[in-house]
Protein backbone atom coordinates (compact mmCIF):
# COMPACT_ATOMS: atom_id res chain seq x y z
CA MET A 1 62.25 73.13 61.01
CA LEU A 2 60.95 70.29 58.83
CA LEU A 3 58.55 70.56 55.88
CA SER A 4 56.52 67.43 55.02
CA ILE A 5 55.30 67.29 51.42
CA VAL A 6 52.40 64.84 51.25
CA ILE A 7 51.72 63.49 47.75
CA PRO A 8 48.63 61.33 47.12
CA VAL A 9 49.29 59.23 44.02
CA TYR A 10 46.94 57.32 41.73
CA ASN A 11 48.02 56.21 38.24
CA GLU A 12 50.66 58.89 37.64
CA PHE A 13 53.32 56.78 35.90
CA HIS A 14 54.09 59.47 33.33
CA THR A 15 54.43 62.42 35.72
CA LEU A 16 55.53 61.20 39.15
CA GLU A 17 59.31 61.17 38.71
CA GLN A 18 59.28 64.60 37.07
CA LEU A 19 57.09 65.94 39.87
CA VAL A 20 59.47 64.65 42.56
CA GLU A 21 62.39 66.21 40.68
CA ARG A 22 60.60 69.56 40.73
CA VAL A 23 59.84 69.23 44.45
CA ILE A 24 63.50 68.50 45.26
CA ALA A 25 64.77 71.31 43.03
CA VAL A 26 62.96 74.05 44.99
CA ASN A 27 65.35 76.08 47.14
CA LEU A 28 63.85 76.37 50.64
CA PRO A 29 65.17 77.48 54.05
CA LEU A 30 63.79 74.25 55.53
CA ASP A 31 64.65 70.59 55.73
CA ARG A 32 62.12 68.53 53.82
CA GLU A 33 60.67 65.05 53.63
CA ILE A 34 58.49 63.62 50.87
CA VAL A 35 55.61 61.33 51.85
CA MET A 36 53.98 59.54 48.91
CA VAL A 37 50.85 57.45 49.39
CA ASP A 38 49.95 55.26 46.42
CA ASP A 39 46.20 54.74 46.34
CA GLY A 40 46.17 51.44 44.47
CA SER A 41 47.76 52.46 41.18
CA THR A 42 47.47 49.95 38.33
CA ASP A 43 49.36 51.70 35.50
CA GLY A 44 52.93 50.84 36.52
CA THR A 45 53.36 53.70 38.98
CA ARG A 46 54.26 51.27 41.76
CA GLU A 47 57.40 50.26 39.91
CA VAL A 48 58.63 53.87 39.89
CA TYR A 49 59.04 54.39 43.64
CA SER A 50 62.19 52.35 44.09
CA GLU A 51 63.81 54.16 41.16
CA ILE A 52 62.92 57.52 42.72
CA GLN A 53 64.42 56.51 46.08
CA LYS A 54 67.60 55.27 44.37
CA LYS A 55 67.90 58.47 42.32
CA TRP A 56 67.73 60.74 45.38
CA PRO A 57 69.24 58.70 48.24
CA ASP A 58 69.99 61.81 50.32
CA VAL A 59 66.34 62.92 50.39
CA SER A 60 63.91 61.51 52.97
CA ILE A 61 61.28 59.79 50.82
CA GLN A 62 58.59 57.66 52.45
CA VAL A 63 56.29 55.48 50.34
CA LYS A 64 53.03 53.94 51.53
CA LEU A 65 51.33 51.44 49.22
CA ALA A 66 47.60 51.14 49.89
CA GLU A 67 46.12 47.70 49.33
CA LYS A 68 43.33 49.05 47.12
CA ASN A 69 42.02 52.30 45.73
CA MET A 70 40.15 54.19 48.45
CA GLY A 71 40.20 57.76 47.12
CA LYS A 72 42.25 60.93 47.35
CA GLY A 73 40.99 61.75 50.83
CA ALA A 74 42.09 58.40 52.21
CA ALA A 75 45.56 58.87 50.68
CA ILE A 76 45.89 62.36 52.14
CA ARG A 77 44.81 61.15 55.59
CA GLN A 78 47.40 58.37 55.49
CA GLY A 79 50.04 60.87 54.39
CA PHE A 80 49.20 63.23 57.25
CA ALA A 81 49.52 60.34 59.71
CA LEU A 82 53.02 59.53 58.40
CA ALA A 83 54.24 63.14 58.19
CA LYS A 84 56.75 64.23 60.82
CA GLY A 85 57.08 67.87 59.78
CA ASP A 86 56.41 71.10 61.62
CA ILE A 87 54.70 72.31 58.42
CA ILE A 88 52.71 70.01 56.12
CA LEU A 89 51.95 70.76 52.46
CA VAL A 90 49.72 68.81 50.06
CA GLN A 91 51.06 68.29 46.54
CA ASP A 92 49.23 66.49 43.71
CA ALA A 93 51.26 63.92 41.78
CA ASP A 94 50.43 65.36 38.36
CA LEU A 95 52.04 68.51 36.98
CA GLU A 96 49.08 70.87 37.38
CA TYR A 97 50.56 72.55 40.46
CA ASP A 98 54.12 73.92 40.36
CA PRO A 99 56.41 73.36 43.38
CA ARG A 100 58.17 76.62 42.50
CA ASP A 101 55.22 78.25 44.27
CA TYR A 102 56.36 76.78 47.63
CA PRO A 103 58.18 79.93 48.82
CA VAL A 104 55.03 82.00 48.29
CA LEU A 105 52.86 79.39 50.03
CA LEU A 106 55.18 79.05 53.01
CA ALA A 107 55.94 82.74 53.56
CA PRO A 108 52.85 83.63 55.68
CA ILE A 109 53.54 80.70 58.03
CA LEU A 110 57.29 81.32 58.26
CA ASP A 111 56.57 85.01 58.95
CA GLY A 112 54.37 84.02 61.87
CA LYS A 113 51.22 85.46 60.31
CA ALA A 114 49.30 82.30 59.37
CA ASP A 115 48.47 78.81 60.60
CA VAL A 116 47.02 77.70 57.26
CA VAL A 117 47.69 78.88 53.69
CA TYR A 118 45.60 78.14 50.60
CA GLY A 119 47.06 78.56 47.11
CA SER A 120 44.38 80.11 44.91
CA ARG A 121 44.14 79.52 41.17
CA PHE A 122 41.84 82.53 40.85
CA VAL A 123 43.89 85.40 42.28
CA GLY A 124 47.24 86.87 41.33
CA GLY A 125 48.98 87.31 38.01
CA ASP A 126 50.74 83.95 37.64
CA ALA A 127 50.39 81.86 34.49
CA HIS A 128 47.25 79.75 34.13
CA ARG A 129 46.37 77.31 31.39
CA VAL A 130 42.98 78.16 29.83
CA LEU A 131 40.69 75.12 29.95
CA TYR A 132 37.18 74.17 31.04
CA PHE A 133 34.66 76.98 31.69
CA TRP A 134 32.23 74.77 33.62
CA HIS A 135 34.99 73.47 35.87
CA MET A 136 35.73 77.07 36.81
CA VAL A 137 32.04 77.75 37.43
CA GLY A 138 31.76 74.61 39.57
CA ASN A 139 34.83 75.51 41.61
CA ARG A 140 33.59 79.03 42.24
CA PHE A 141 30.11 77.79 43.17
CA LEU A 142 31.47 75.25 45.67
CA THR A 143 33.77 77.89 47.13
CA LEU A 144 30.81 80.27 47.50
CA MET A 145 28.72 77.64 49.29
CA SER A 146 31.65 76.75 51.54
CA ASN A 147 32.21 80.41 52.37
CA MET A 148 28.54 80.86 53.22
CA THR A 149 28.70 78.04 55.77
CA THR A 150 32.13 78.86 57.23
CA ASN A 151 32.06 82.68 57.03
CA LEU A 152 35.40 82.68 55.24
CA ASN A 153 36.19 84.67 52.08
CA LEU A 154 38.28 82.16 50.16
CA THR A 155 38.45 82.31 46.36
CA ASP A 156 39.49 78.66 45.82
CA MET A 157 38.34 76.15 48.44
CA GLU A 158 39.00 73.18 46.12
CA THR A 159 42.67 73.96 45.53
CA CYS A 160 45.20 71.19 46.03
CA TYR A 161 47.72 73.57 47.58
CA LYS A 162 46.90 73.68 51.27
CA VAL A 163 49.66 74.21 53.84
CA PHE A 164 49.23 73.63 57.58
CA ARG A 165 51.21 74.08 60.73
CA ALA A 166 51.30 70.59 62.26
CA GLU A 167 49.31 71.77 65.28
CA VAL A 168 46.35 72.53 63.05
CA LEU A 169 46.05 68.99 61.71
CA LYS A 170 46.46 67.54 65.20
CA SER A 171 43.47 69.57 66.39
CA PHE A 172 40.83 67.62 64.43
CA THR A 173 40.16 64.23 62.86
CA LEU A 174 39.56 63.92 59.13
CA LYS A 175 37.10 61.30 57.82
CA SER A 176 36.76 61.72 54.05
CA ASN A 177 38.07 59.12 51.62
CA THR A 178 37.29 61.01 48.40
CA PHE A 179 37.63 64.54 47.00
CA THR A 180 35.30 65.66 49.81
CA ILE A 181 38.47 65.96 51.89
CA GLU A 182 38.75 69.54 50.54
CA PRO A 183 35.51 70.95 52.02
CA GLU A 184 36.05 68.86 55.14
CA MET A 185 39.48 70.38 55.80
CA THR A 186 38.09 73.85 55.16
CA ALA A 187 35.13 73.39 57.51
CA LYS A 188 37.32 72.07 60.33
CA VAL A 189 39.96 74.76 59.93
CA ALA A 190 37.19 77.36 60.06
CA LYS A 191 35.67 75.81 63.20
CA GLY A 192 39.09 75.97 64.87
CA LYS A 193 39.36 79.69 64.10
CA TRP A 194 42.90 79.24 62.80
CA ARG A 195 44.58 82.10 60.96
CA ILE A 196 44.07 81.43 57.24
CA PHE A 197 45.90 83.21 54.42
CA GLU A 198 45.43 82.84 50.67
CA VAL A 199 48.10 83.46 48.02
CA GLY A 200 48.00 83.38 44.22
CA ILE A 201 49.61 80.42 42.45
CA SER A 202 50.23 79.32 38.87
CA TYR A 203 48.15 76.49 37.40
CA ALA A 204 48.57 74.17 34.41
CA GLY A 205 45.34 72.17 34.39
CA ARG A 206 45.04 68.87 32.54
CA THR A 207 42.38 67.70 30.09
CA TYR A 208 40.55 64.42 30.66
CA ALA A 209 42.65 62.89 27.87
CA GLU A 210 45.75 63.91 29.83
CA GLY A 211 44.52 62.21 33.00
CA LYS A 212 42.20 64.60 34.84
CA LYS A 213 40.06 62.52 37.22
CA ILE A 214 37.49 64.79 38.90
CA ASP A 215 33.99 65.05 37.34
CA TRP A 216 30.49 66.42 38.00
CA LYS A 217 29.64 63.61 40.44
CA ASP A 218 32.51 64.75 42.67
CA ALA A 219 30.97 68.24 42.66
CA ILE A 220 27.66 66.83 43.95
CA ARG A 221 29.48 64.94 46.70
CA ALA A 222 31.45 68.07 47.61
CA LEU A 223 28.25 70.12 47.91
CA TRP A 224 26.79 67.62 50.37
CA ALA A 225 30.10 67.51 52.28
CA ILE A 226 30.09 71.30 52.69
CA PHE A 227 26.87 71.07 54.70
CA ARG A 228 27.67 67.76 56.38
CA PHE A 229 30.98 68.84 57.88
CA ARG A 230 29.73 72.28 58.85
CA PHE A 231 26.45 71.31 60.51
CA PHE A 232 26.22 67.54 61.06
CA ASP A 233 29.75 66.31 61.84
């Protein structure tokens, strides 16, 4: 069985190699491939990929270089199209999400209980960096609105860590180019009545000075996307 780890990348020169090292270091009962989609980085990240491939020649590492910045959703969609795995996991290129959580994320699928697994930053006892109050409020509000339209009881719809059996992603077509990919995936998984599990994960959030990219305008877009992909898609 093959695990595809899809990594959308935009201006992560300082973290990308360390992130890949962490991904490779995780002990898993699966073969794995890494699919990185660079969404038009301009900070020197594009010079790092060849060094990564040389450093780990025995690991399957695909790299797709987008011609221009289109958004996280576009990068994830391209990564899904390239992925060959039986199970597909989304991993951000920064160090906010820890690949050591992979065994916990994969367990419900490997046990035959789940088709989709979300890694929640708001449940469980794992370590969390204490940061922005209003980000937490925004995340919880968007999750509440998503739950109201999908009839799910998620605690963290906006989480990066989403894991899918390949059949799930083949059952619908994603359209979003931006961060609205998160509510879109949730709405379409809910419509398909797939078995969804949620597990607690650790989280080491970044400040804006450290490179955090999402802001209040993305929250407004996500709110519209929640209703668009539930009722008008």
